[in-house]
C-alpha atoms as a PDB file:
ATOM      1  CA  MET A   1     -39.721 -13.222  36.221  1.00  0.00           C
ATOM      2  CA  LYS A   2     -41.183 -11.919  32.987  1.00  0.00           C
ATOM      3  CA  TYR A   3     -37.633 -11.161  31.707  1.00  0.00           C
ATOM      4  CA  VAL A   4     -36.789 -14.874  32.091  1.00  0.00           C
ATOM      5  CA  LEU A   5     -39.730 -15.718  29.891  1.00  0.00           C
ATOM      6  CA  LEU A   6     -38.703 -13.195  27.242  1.00  0.00           C
ATOM      7  CA  LEU A   7     -35.080 -14.371  27.115  1.00  0.00           C
ATOM      8  CA  PRO A   8     -35.731 -17.390  24.857  1.00  0.00           C
ATOM      9  CA  SER A   9     -37.631 -15.085  22.411  1.00  0.00           C
ATOM     10  CA  PHE A  10     -34.756 -12.651  22.281  1.00  0.00           C
ATOM     11  CA  LEU A  11     -32.230 -15.403  21.740  1.00  0.00           C
ATOM     12  CA  LEU A  12     -34.282 -16.877  18.923  1.00  0.00           C
ATOM     13  CA  LEU A  13     -34.638 -13.433  17.343  1.00  0.00           C
ATOM     14  CA  MET A  14     -30.856 -12.923  17.490  1.00  0.00           C
ATOM     15  CA  LEU A  15     -30.174 -16.317  15.900  1.00  0.00           C
ATOM     16  CA  LEU A  16     -32.629 -15.719  13.083  1.00  0.00           C
ATOM     17  CA  SER A  17     -31.332 -12.263  12.313  1.00  0.00           C
ATOM     18  CA  SER A  18     -27.700 -13.427  12.288  1.00  0.00           C
ATOM     19  CA  CYS A  19     -28.549 -15.802   9.445  1.00  0.00           C
ATOM     20  CA  SER A  20     -29.778 -13.068   7.161  1.00  0.00           C
ATOM     21  CA  THR A  21     -27.511 -11.581   4.554  1.00  0.00           C
ATOM     22  CA  SER A  22     -27.345  -8.113   3.206  1.00  0.00           C
ATOM     23  CA  GLY A  23     -25.664  -7.093   0.045  1.00  0.00           C
ATOM     24  CA  ALA A  24     -25.283 -10.636  -1.271  1.00  0.00           C
ATOM     25  CA  GLY A  25     -23.343 -10.702  -4.459  1.00  0.00           C
ATOM     26  CA  ILE A  26     -21.544  -7.391  -3.904  1.00  0.00           C
ATOM     27  CA  ASP A  27     -17.827  -7.640  -4.551  1.00  0.00           C
ATOM     28  CA  VAL A  28     -15.868  -5.679  -1.947  1.00  0.00           C
ATOM     29  CA  CYS A  29     -13.095  -4.988  -4.408  1.00  0.00           C
ATOM     30  CA  VAL A  30     -15.507  -2.923  -6.476  1.00  0.00           C
ATOM     31  CA  VAL A  31     -16.214  -0.759  -3.443  1.00  0.00           C
ATOM     32  CA  ILE A  32     -12.748  -0.268  -1.973  1.00  0.00           C
ATOM     33  CA  GLU A  33      -9.552   0.870  -3.714  1.00  0.00           C
ATOM     34  CA  PRO A  34      -6.006   1.372  -2.454  1.00  0.00           C
ATOM     35  CA  ILE A  35      -5.338   4.769  -0.972  1.00  0.00           C
ATOM     36  CA  LEU A  36      -2.727   6.670  -2.916  1.00  0.00           C
ATOM     37  CA  ILE A  37      -0.760   9.549  -1.430  1.00  0.00           C
ATOM     38  CA  SER A  38       1.050  12.259  -3.273  1.00  0.00           C
ATOM     39  CA  ARG A  39       4.416  13.877  -2.378  1.00  0.00           C
ATOM     40  CA  ASP A  40       2.499  16.961  -1.209  1.00  0.00           C
ATOM     41  CA  ASP A  41       0.516  15.099   1.437  1.00  0.00           C
ATOM     42  CA  VAL A  42       1.525  15.511   5.030  1.00  0.00           C
ATOM     43  CA  LEU A  43       0.697  12.495   7.120  1.00  0.00           C
ATOM     44  CA  THR A  44       0.752  11.859  10.777  1.00  0.00           C
ATOM     45  CA  GLU A  45       2.136   8.502  11.920  1.00  0.00           C
ATOM     46  CA  GLY A  46      -1.394   7.309  12.761  1.00  0.00           C
ATOM     47  CA  THR A  47      -2.792   8.225   9.388  1.00  0.00           C
ATOM     48  CA  ALA A  48       0.105   6.544   7.568  1.00  0.00           C
ATOM     49  CA  ARG A  49      -0.446   3.389   9.649  1.00  0.00           C
ATOM     50  CA  GLN A  50      -4.184   3.336   8.839  1.00  0.00           C
ATOM     51  CA  ILE A  51      -3.503   3.815   5.066  1.00  0.00           C
ATOM     52  CA  LEU A  52      -0.977   0.954   5.231  1.00  0.00           C
ATOM     53  CA  ILE A  53      -3.498  -1.331   6.962  1.00  0.00           C
ATOM     54  CA  HIS A  54      -6.163  -0.433   4.410  1.00  0.00           C
ATOM     55  CA  ASN A  55      -3.862  -1.079   1.431  1.00  0.00           C
ATOM     56  CA  GLU A  56      -2.540  -4.335   2.880  1.00  0.00           C
ATOM     57  CA  PHE A  57      -6.181  -5.445   3.302  1.00  0.00           C
ATOM     58  CA  TYR A  58      -6.882  -4.548  -0.298  1.00  0.00           C
ATOM     59  CA  GLU A  59      -3.791  -6.489  -1.504  1.00  0.00           C
ATOM     60  CA  ARG A  60      -4.731  -9.537   0.574  1.00  0.00           C
ATOM     61  CA  ILE A  61      -8.412  -9.630  -0.439  1.00  0.00           C
ATOM     62  CA  CYS A  62      -8.444  -8.286  -3.999  1.00  0.00           C
ATOM     63  CA  VAL A  63      -5.086  -8.871  -5.624  1.00  0.00           C
ATOM     64  CA  THR A  64      -4.037 -12.286  -4.337  1.00  0.00           C
ATOM     65  CA  SER A  65      -7.387 -13.958  -4.733  1.00  0.00           C
END
């Protein structure tokens, strides 16, 4: 029964905390850079896929905007 009474308080707390911002004004393009690989690097298929996803994200967010 007491959990039912606490539920509205927890929901209100979650709603209020979701409205807060952290790091406002920080440009993500300053923080991330494309990952460059050299000819000497040995990559697994999974690592190469993750690098491609990261670099495509960088292109989409930082270069085309």
